[in-house]
Amino acid sequence: MSIWWSLHLRREAASVPLARRLLLGAMDTAGVDPDVSYDLSVALSEACANAVEHGGDTAHGACSEAYRVTAYLDGEKCRIEVADSGPGFTGGRSAPAPGPVRMSTDAEQGRGLFLIRELADHVHIGNKPGLGGAVVSFDKILKWRKDAPLMAV
């Protein structure tokens, strides 16, 4: 069985826990293992926080005040995509370089993309073609509770 949902959210800090709670509720209802749900919810929170903080560009007007979250549960995999209308990643790079994170222990920024890469099975980070803005998508193989109503067969 496949299910998907999409949210159009304002670039406000309050939208981050809303997206996280909706994902956790959908995963719980479907019967996804709580550890997998938690990993995906943390990764989603990080991607949304990045969209809220970096996803705006006043040159693009009102559409830059929002971002989109889409989640797909399809068979044995969950894919999540967060897209914003900001300037995207600079220098034409399709993604920041993965690798070790070196920062002070009291740093408040720079851990989000690293966490997403650690928590998900496959991650793509890049710019939206032509329109501007960043897209962070990630997926994870699902594990199911024994009583899962939507478990893949």
N, C-alpha and C. Protein backbone atom coordinates (compact mmCIF):
# COMPACT_ATOMS: atom_id res chain seq x y z
N MET A 1 0.84 -1.18 0.00
CA MET A 1 0.00 0.00 0.00
C MET A 1 0.88 1.24 0.00
N SER A 2 0.45 2.26 -0.70
CA SER A 2 1.17 3.53 -0.75
C SER A 2 0.29 4.65 -0.23
N ILE A 3 0.89 5.54 0.53
CA ILE A 3 0.19 6.76 0.94
C ILE A 3 1.17 7.91 0.80
N TRP A 4 0.65 9.10 0.57
CA TRP A 4 1.48 10.28 0.52
C TRP A 4 0.68 11.47 0.98
N TRP A 5 1.40 12.48 1.46
CA TRP A 5 0.79 13.74 1.84
C TRP A 5 1.75 14.88 1.55
N SER A 6 1.19 16.05 1.37
CA SER A 6 2.00 17.22 1.07
C SER A 6 1.48 18.41 1.88
N LEU A 7 2.39 19.19 2.41
CA LEU A 7 2.06 20.38 3.19
C LEU A 7 2.70 21.59 2.56
N HIS A 8 1.98 22.68 2.57
CA HIS A 8 2.49 23.98 2.15
C HIS A 8 2.53 24.81 3.43
N LEU A 9 3.72 25.08 3.95
CA LEU A 9 3.87 25.70 5.26
C LEU A 9 4.51 27.07 5.18
N ARG A 10 4.10 27.94 6.09
CA ARG A 10 4.74 29.26 6.19
C ARG A 10 6.12 29.10 6.80
N ARG A 11 7.02 29.95 6.40
CA ARG A 11 8.39 29.93 6.94
C ARG A 11 8.40 30.55 8.33
N GLU A 12 7.82 29.84 9.27
CA GLU A 12 7.77 30.25 10.66
C GLU A 12 8.23 29.07 11.51
N ALA A 13 8.87 29.38 12.62
CA ALA A 13 9.39 28.32 13.49
C ALA A 13 8.29 27.36 13.94
N ALA A 14 7.07 27.83 14.12
CA ALA A 14 5.97 26.97 14.58
C ALA A 14 5.61 25.89 13.56
N SER A 15 6.01 26.05 12.32
CA SER A 15 5.68 25.05 11.31
C SER A 15 6.51 23.78 11.46
N VAL A 16 7.69 23.88 12.07
CA VAL A 16 8.58 22.73 12.20
C VAL A 16 7.98 21.64 13.07
N PRO A 17 7.54 21.94 14.31
CA PRO A 17 6.92 20.87 15.11
C PRO A 17 5.60 20.38 14.51
N LEU A 18 4.89 21.23 13.79
CA LEU A 18 3.65 20.78 13.14
C LEU A 18 3.96 19.70 12.12
N ALA A 19 4.94 19.93 11.25
CA ALA A 19 5.31 18.93 10.25
C ALA A 19 5.78 17.64 10.92
N ARG A 20 6.56 17.79 11.99
CA ARG A 20 7.07 16.61 12.70
C ARG A 20 5.94 15.80 13.32
N ARG A 21 4.98 16.47 13.97
CA ARG A 21 3.85 15.76 14.59
C ARG A 21 2.99 15.06 13.54
N LEU A 22 2.77 15.71 12.39
CA LEU A 22 1.99 15.07 11.33
C LEU A 22 2.68 13.81 10.82
N LEU A 23 3.99 13.89 10.63
CA LEU A 23 4.73 12.71 10.18
C LEU A 23 4.66 11.59 11.22
N LEU A 24 4.91 11.92 12.49
CA LEU A 24 4.87 10.90 13.54
C LEU A 24 3.49 10.27 13.65
N GLY A 25 2.44 11.07 13.52
CA GLY A 25 1.07 10.54 13.58
C GLY A 25 0.78 9.59 12.42
N ALA A 26 1.21 9.98 11.22
CA ALA A 26 0.99 9.12 10.05
C ALA A 26 1.76 7.81 10.18
N MET A 27 3.00 7.90 10.65
CA MET A 27 3.82 6.69 10.81
C MET A 27 3.24 5.77 11.88
N ASP A 28 2.77 6.34 12.98
CA ASP A 28 2.19 5.54 14.05
C ASP A 28 0.92 4.85 13.56
N THR A 29 0.07 5.59 12.86
CA THR A 29 -1.17 5.02 12.34
C THR A 29 -0.90 3.91 11.34
N ALA A 30 0.13 4.09 10.51
CA ALA A 30 0.47 3.07 9.52
C ALA A 30 1.12 1.84 10.15
N GLY A 31 1.73 2.01 11.34
CA GLY A 31 2.35 0.88 12.01
C GLY A 31 3.85 0.80 11.82
N VAL A 32 4.49 1.93 11.50
CA VAL A 32 5.95 1.95 11.33
C VAL A 32 6.61 1.84 12.70
N ASP A 33 7.72 1.12 12.74
CA ASP A 33 8.49 0.96 13.96
C ASP A 33 8.83 2.33 14.55
N PRO A 34 8.64 2.52 15.87
CA PRO A 34 8.88 3.83 16.48
C PRO A 34 10.30 4.36 16.31
N ASP A 35 11.31 3.50 16.30
CA ASP A 35 12.69 3.97 16.12
C ASP A 35 12.89 4.58 14.73
N VAL A 36 12.33 3.94 13.72
CA VAL A 36 12.42 4.47 12.35
C VAL A 36 11.65 5.78 12.25
N SER A 37 10.47 5.82 12.84
CA SER A 37 9.66 7.04 12.83
C SER A 37 10.41 8.19 13.48
N TYR A 38 11.06 7.90 14.60
CA TYR A 38 11.80 8.94 15.31
C TYR A 38 12.96 9.48 14.45
N ASP A 39 13.73 8.58 13.84
CA ASP A 39 14.83 9.01 12.98
C ASP A 39 14.33 9.92 11.86
N LEU A 40 13.25 9.50 11.21
CA LEU A 40 12.70 10.31 10.12
C LEU A 40 12.16 11.64 10.62
N SER A 41 11.58 11.65 11.81
CA SER A 41 11.03 12.91 12.33
C SER A 41 12.14 13.90 12.68
N VAL A 42 13.26 13.41 13.19
CA VAL A 42 14.39 14.30 13.47
C VAL A 42 14.96 14.85 12.16
N ALA A 43 15.13 13.98 11.17
CA ALA A 43 15.64 14.43 9.87
C ALA A 43 14.68 15.46 9.24
N LEU A 44 13.38 15.21 9.33
CA LEU A 44 12.39 16.16 8.81
C LEU A 44 12.49 17.49 9.55
N SER A 45 12.62 17.45 10.86
CA SER A 45 12.73 18.68 11.64
C SER A 45 13.94 19.51 11.20
N GLU A 46 15.05 18.84 10.96
CA GLU A 46 16.26 19.54 10.51
C GLU A 46 16.07 20.16 9.13
N ALA A 47 15.46 19.42 8.22
CA ALA A 47 15.22 19.95 6.87
C ALA A 47 14.25 21.13 6.91
N CYS A 48 13.20 21.03 7.73
CA CYS A 48 12.25 22.13 7.85
C CYS A 48 12.90 23.35 8.49
N ALA A 49 13.70 23.14 9.53
CA ALA A 49 14.39 24.25 10.18
C ALA A 49 15.30 24.98 9.19
N ASN A 50 15.96 24.24 8.31
CA ASN A 50 16.79 24.87 7.28
C ASN A 50 15.95 25.69 6.32
N ALA A 51 14.78 25.16 5.93
CA ALA A 51 13.90 25.89 5.01
C ALA A 51 13.39 27.17 5.67
N VAL A 52 13.05 27.09 6.94
CA VAL A 52 12.57 28.27 7.66
C VAL A 52 13.67 29.32 7.75
N GLU A 53 14.88 28.89 8.08
CA GLU A 53 15.97 29.84 8.29
C GLU A 53 16.56 30.39 6.99
N HIS A 54 16.72 29.52 5.99
CA HIS A 54 17.45 29.91 4.78
C HIS A 54 16.59 29.98 3.52
N GLY A 55 15.32 29.61 3.60
CA GLY A 55 14.50 29.43 2.41
C GLY A 55 13.79 30.64 1.88
N GLY A 56 14.13 31.82 2.32
CA GLY A 56 13.44 33.01 1.85
C GLY A 56 14.30 33.86 0.96
N ASP A 57 13.63 34.54 0.05
CA ASP A 57 14.31 35.47 -0.84
C ASP A 57 13.29 36.54 -1.20
N THR A 58 13.45 37.73 -0.67
CA THR A 58 12.46 38.78 -0.89
C THR A 58 12.31 39.14 -2.36
N ALA A 59 13.28 38.83 -3.18
CA ALA A 59 13.19 39.15 -4.61
C ALA A 59 12.12 38.30 -5.30
N HIS A 60 11.74 37.17 -4.71
CA HIS A 60 10.74 36.30 -5.33
C HIS A 60 9.33 36.56 -4.84
N GLY A 61 9.11 37.54 -3.98
CA GLY A 61 7.77 37.89 -3.54
C GLY A 61 7.20 36.94 -2.51
N ALA A 62 5.86 36.86 -2.46
CA ALA A 62 5.15 36.14 -1.40
C ALA A 62 5.45 34.65 -1.38
N CYS A 63 5.73 34.05 -2.53
CA CYS A 63 5.95 32.60 -2.55
C CYS A 63 7.18 32.21 -1.73
N SER A 64 8.08 33.16 -1.48
CA SER A 64 9.26 32.84 -0.70
C SER A 64 8.95 32.77 0.79
N GLU A 65 7.74 33.08 1.17
CA GLU A 65 7.35 33.02 2.58
C GLU A 65 6.82 31.64 2.95
N ALA A 66 6.94 30.69 2.05
CA ALA A 66 6.43 29.34 2.32
C ALA A 66 7.43 28.31 1.84
N TYR A 67 7.24 27.09 2.32
CA TYR A 67 8.01 25.96 1.83
C TYR A 67 7.09 24.74 1.79
N ARG A 68 7.53 23.69 1.11
CA ARG A 68 6.68 22.52 0.90
C ARG A 68 7.35 21.28 1.48
N VAL A 69 6.54 20.45 2.14
CA VAL A 69 6.99 19.15 2.65
C VAL A 69 6.10 18.09 2.01
N THR A 70 6.73 17.08 1.43
CA THR A 70 5.98 15.96 0.85
C THR A 70 6.56 14.67 1.40
N ALA A 71 5.69 13.77 1.81
CA ALA A 71 6.14 12.48 2.34
C ALA A 71 5.41 11.36 1.61
N TYR A 72 6.15 10.31 1.25
CA TYR A 72 5.61 9.14 0.56
C TYR A 72 5.96 7.91 1.39
N LEU A 73 4.98 7.11 1.70
CA LEU A 73 5.22 5.77 2.26
C LEU A 73 4.82 4.82 1.15
N ASP A 74 5.80 4.17 0.57
CA ASP A 74 5.54 3.32 -0.58
C ASP A 74 6.22 1.98 -0.37
N GLY A 75 5.42 0.97 -0.05
CA GLY A 75 5.97 -0.36 0.17
C GLY A 75 6.89 -0.38 1.37
N GLU A 76 8.15 -0.61 1.13
CA GLU A 76 9.13 -0.76 2.21
C GLU A 76 9.94 0.50 2.47
N LYS A 77 9.57 1.63 1.84
CA LYS A 77 10.40 2.83 1.93
C LYS A 77 9.55 4.06 2.21
N CYS A 78 10.15 5.00 2.94
CA CYS A 78 9.55 6.32 3.11
C CYS A 78 10.48 7.34 2.48
N ARG A 79 9.94 8.21 1.67
CA ARG A 79 10.72 9.30 1.07
C ARG A 79 10.09 10.61 1.50
N ILE A 80 10.94 11.53 1.92
CA ILE A 80 10.50 12.86 2.36
C ILE A 80 11.26 13.89 1.55
N GLU A 81 10.55 14.93 1.12
CA GLU A 81 11.16 16.02 0.36
C GLU A 81 10.74 17.34 0.98
N VAL A 82 11.70 18.22 1.20
CA VAL A 82 11.45 19.58 1.69
C VAL A 82 12.03 20.53 0.66
N ALA A 83 11.18 21.41 0.12
CA ALA A 83 11.60 22.35 -0.93
C ALA A 83 11.24 23.77 -0.52
N ASP A 84 12.17 24.69 -0.73
CA ASP A 84 11.91 26.09 -0.40
C ASP A 84 12.10 26.96 -1.64
N SER A 85 11.87 28.25 -1.49
CA SER A 85 11.99 29.20 -2.60
C SER A 85 13.10 30.20 -2.37
N GLY A 86 14.06 29.82 -1.57
CA GLY A 86 15.18 30.72 -1.27
C GLY A 86 16.22 30.74 -2.36
N PRO A 87 17.40 31.21 -2.03
CA PRO A 87 18.46 31.33 -3.02
C PRO A 87 19.10 29.99 -3.40
N GLY A 88 18.80 28.93 -2.67
CA GLY A 88 19.44 27.64 -2.95
C GLY A 88 20.86 27.62 -2.44
N PHE A 89 21.60 26.62 -2.86
CA PHE A 89 22.98 26.49 -2.46
C PHE A 89 23.84 27.32 -3.39
N THR A 90 24.79 28.04 -2.86
CA THR A 90 25.58 28.99 -3.64
C THR A 90 26.63 28.30 -4.50
N GLY A 91 27.07 29.03 -5.49
CA GLY A 91 28.15 28.55 -6.35
C GLY A 91 27.73 27.48 -7.32
N GLY A 92 26.41 27.28 -7.52
CA GLY A 92 25.95 26.28 -8.46
C GLY A 92 26.13 24.86 -7.97
N ARG A 93 26.54 24.70 -6.73
CA ARG A 93 26.71 23.35 -6.21
C ARG A 93 25.36 22.68 -6.10
N SER A 94 25.33 21.40 -6.40
CA SER A 94 24.09 20.68 -6.22
C SER A 94 23.93 20.21 -4.80
N ALA A 95 25.00 20.16 -4.04
CA ALA A 95 24.89 19.75 -2.64
C ALA A 95 26.15 20.13 -1.89
N PRO A 96 25.98 20.49 -0.63
CA PRO A 96 27.16 20.71 0.19
C PRO A 96 27.94 19.41 0.32
N ALA A 97 29.24 19.51 0.41
CA ALA A 97 30.07 18.32 0.47
C ALA A 97 29.82 17.54 1.76
N PRO A 98 29.60 16.23 1.64
CA PRO A 98 29.48 15.43 2.85
C PRO A 98 30.85 15.26 3.47
N GLY A 99 30.85 14.82 4.67
CA GLY A 99 32.12 14.57 5.31
C GLY A 99 32.06 14.92 6.78
N PRO A 100 33.19 14.81 7.43
CA PRO A 100 33.21 15.07 8.86
C PRO A 100 32.86 16.52 9.16
N VAL A 101 32.14 16.71 10.24
CA VAL A 101 31.77 18.05 10.66
C VAL A 101 32.74 18.48 11.75
N ARG A 102 33.41 19.59 11.52
CA ARG A 102 34.32 20.13 12.52
C ARG A 102 33.78 21.48 12.96
N MET A 103 33.37 21.54 14.19
CA MET A 103 32.83 22.78 14.72
C MET A 103 32.99 22.76 16.23
N SER A 104 32.84 23.91 16.82
CA SER A 104 32.95 23.95 18.27
C SER A 104 31.73 23.28 18.88
N THR A 105 31.87 22.80 20.09
CA THR A 105 30.79 22.07 20.74
C THR A 105 29.60 22.95 21.07
N ASP A 106 29.79 24.28 21.08
CA ASP A 106 28.67 25.16 21.37
C ASP A 106 28.09 25.81 20.11
N ALA A 107 28.47 25.34 18.94
CA ALA A 107 27.94 25.87 17.68
C ALA A 107 26.44 25.60 17.60
N GLU A 108 25.70 26.60 17.11
CA GLU A 108 24.26 26.44 17.00
C GLU A 108 23.81 26.18 15.57
N GLN A 109 24.71 26.15 14.62
CA GLN A 109 24.36 25.91 13.23
C GLN A 109 25.32 24.91 12.62
N GLY A 110 24.89 24.30 11.51
CA GLY A 110 25.80 23.46 10.75
C GLY A 110 25.62 21.97 10.95
N ARG A 111 24.75 21.58 11.84
CA ARG A 111 24.59 20.15 12.11
C ARG A 111 23.43 19.51 11.36
N GLY A 112 22.52 20.31 10.84
CA GLY A 112 21.29 19.77 10.25
C GLY A 112 21.51 18.81 9.10
N LEU A 113 22.27 19.21 8.10
CA LEU A 113 22.49 18.34 6.94
C LEU A 113 23.29 17.10 7.34
N PHE A 114 24.21 17.26 8.27
CA PHE A 114 24.97 16.12 8.77
C PHE A 114 24.02 15.11 9.44
N LEU A 115 23.12 15.59 10.28
CA LEU A 115 22.16 14.71 10.96
C LEU A 115 21.26 13.99 9.95
N ILE A 116 20.79 14.71 8.95
CA ILE A 116 19.93 14.10 7.93
C ILE A 116 20.68 12.95 7.26
N ARG A 117 21.93 13.19 6.89
CA ARG A 117 22.72 12.14 6.25
C ARG A 117 22.94 10.94 7.16
N GLU A 118 23.07 11.16 8.46
CA GLU A 118 23.28 10.07 9.40
C GLU A 118 22.01 9.27 9.67
N LEU A 119 20.86 9.91 9.62
CA LEU A 119 19.60 9.27 9.99
C LEU A 119 18.87 8.60 8.83
N ALA A 120 19.16 9.01 7.61
CA ALA A 120 18.46 8.48 6.43
C ALA A 120 19.36 7.50 5.69
N ASP A 121 18.75 6.69 4.84
CA ASP A 121 19.51 5.71 4.04
C ASP A 121 20.07 6.33 2.76
N HIS A 122 19.33 7.25 2.16
CA HIS A 122 19.77 7.90 0.92
C HIS A 122 19.34 9.36 1.01
N VAL A 123 20.24 10.28 0.67
CA VAL A 123 19.97 11.70 0.78
C VAL A 123 20.37 12.40 -0.51
N HIS A 124 19.52 13.30 -0.98
CA HIS A 124 19.87 14.16 -2.11
C HIS A 124 19.62 15.60 -1.68
N ILE A 125 20.62 16.44 -1.83
CA ILE A 125 20.53 17.84 -1.47
C ILE A 125 20.95 18.64 -2.70
N GLY A 126 20.07 19.52 -3.16
CA GLY A 126 20.41 20.29 -4.34
C GLY A 126 19.52 21.49 -4.52
N ASN A 127 19.65 22.11 -5.69
CA ASN A 127 18.85 23.27 -6.05
C ASN A 127 17.73 22.86 -6.99
N LYS A 128 16.59 23.58 -6.90
CA LYS A 128 15.50 23.35 -7.83
C LYS A 128 15.92 23.88 -9.20
N PRO A 129 15.74 23.09 -10.24
CA PRO A 129 16.15 23.56 -11.56
C PRO A 129 15.31 24.76 -12.02
N GLY A 130 16.00 25.80 -12.44
CA GLY A 130 15.34 26.95 -13.03
C GLY A 130 14.65 27.91 -12.07
N LEU A 131 13.94 27.40 -11.09
CA LEU A 131 13.10 28.24 -10.25
C LEU A 131 13.81 28.83 -9.05
N GLY A 132 14.93 28.32 -8.70
CA GLY A 132 15.60 28.75 -7.48
C GLY A 132 15.04 28.02 -6.28
N GLY A 133 15.80 28.01 -5.24
CA GLY A 133 15.39 27.32 -4.03
C GLY A 133 16.13 26.02 -3.87
N ALA A 134 16.10 25.53 -2.64
CA ALA A 134 16.79 24.29 -2.31
C ALA A 134 15.78 23.16 -2.16
N VAL A 135 16.25 21.94 -2.43
CA VAL A 135 15.44 20.74 -2.23
C VAL A 135 16.30 19.75 -1.45
N VAL A 136 15.76 19.27 -0.34
CA VAL A 136 16.40 18.23 0.45
C VAL A 136 15.45 17.04 0.43
N SER A 137 15.89 15.92 -0.12
CA SER A 137 15.06 14.72 -0.11
C SER A 137 15.87 13.58 0.50
N PHE A 138 15.17 12.74 1.23
CA PHE A 138 15.83 11.61 1.87
C PHE A 138 14.84 10.48 2.02
N ASP A 139 15.38 9.27 2.04
CA ASP A 139 14.50 8.13 2.24
C ASP A 139 15.14 7.15 3.22
N LYS A 140 14.28 6.27 3.71
CA LYS A 140 14.71 5.29 4.70
C LYS A 140 13.87 4.04 4.50
N ILE A 141 14.52 2.90 4.60
CA ILE A 141 13.82 1.62 4.56
C ILE A 141 13.00 1.50 5.84
N LEU A 142 11.75 1.10 5.69
CA LEU A 142 10.84 1.02 6.84
C LEU A 142 10.92 -0.33 7.53
N LYS A 143 10.76 -0.29 8.83
CA LYS A 143 10.52 -1.48 9.64
C LYS A 143 9.14 -1.30 10.22
N TRP A 144 8.42 -2.39 10.37
CA TRP A 144 7.03 -2.32 10.79
C TRP A 144 6.81 -2.99 12.14
N ARG A 145 5.84 -2.48 12.89
CA ARG A 145 5.40 -3.18 14.10
C ARG A 145 4.66 -4.44 13.67
N LYS A 146 4.59 -5.40 14.56
CA LYS A 146 3.91 -6.66 14.22
C LYS A 146 2.43 -6.45 13.94
N ASP A 147 1.82 -5.47 14.58
CA ASP A 147 0.39 -5.21 14.40
C ASP A 147 0.10 -4.13 13.36
N ALA A 148 1.05 -3.85 12.49
CA ALA A 148 0.93 -2.74 11.54
C ALA A 148 -0.22 -2.94 10.56
N PRO A 149 -1.16 -2.00 10.52
CA PRO A 149 -2.29 -2.13 9.59
C PRO A 149 -1.91 -1.91 8.13
N LEU A 150 -0.87 -1.14 7.85
CA LEU A 150 -0.50 -0.83 6.46
C LEU A 150 0.82 -1.49 6.05
N MET A 151 1.25 -2.49 6.80
CA MET A 151 2.53 -3.12 6.50
C MET A 151 2.59 -3.61 5.07
N ALA A 152 3.74 -3.38 4.44
CA ALA A 152 3.94 -3.85 3.07
C ALA A 152 3.94 -5.37 3.06
N VAL A 153 3.32 -5.92 2.04
CA VAL A 153 3.23 -7.38 1.94
C VAL A 153 4.30 -7.91 1.03
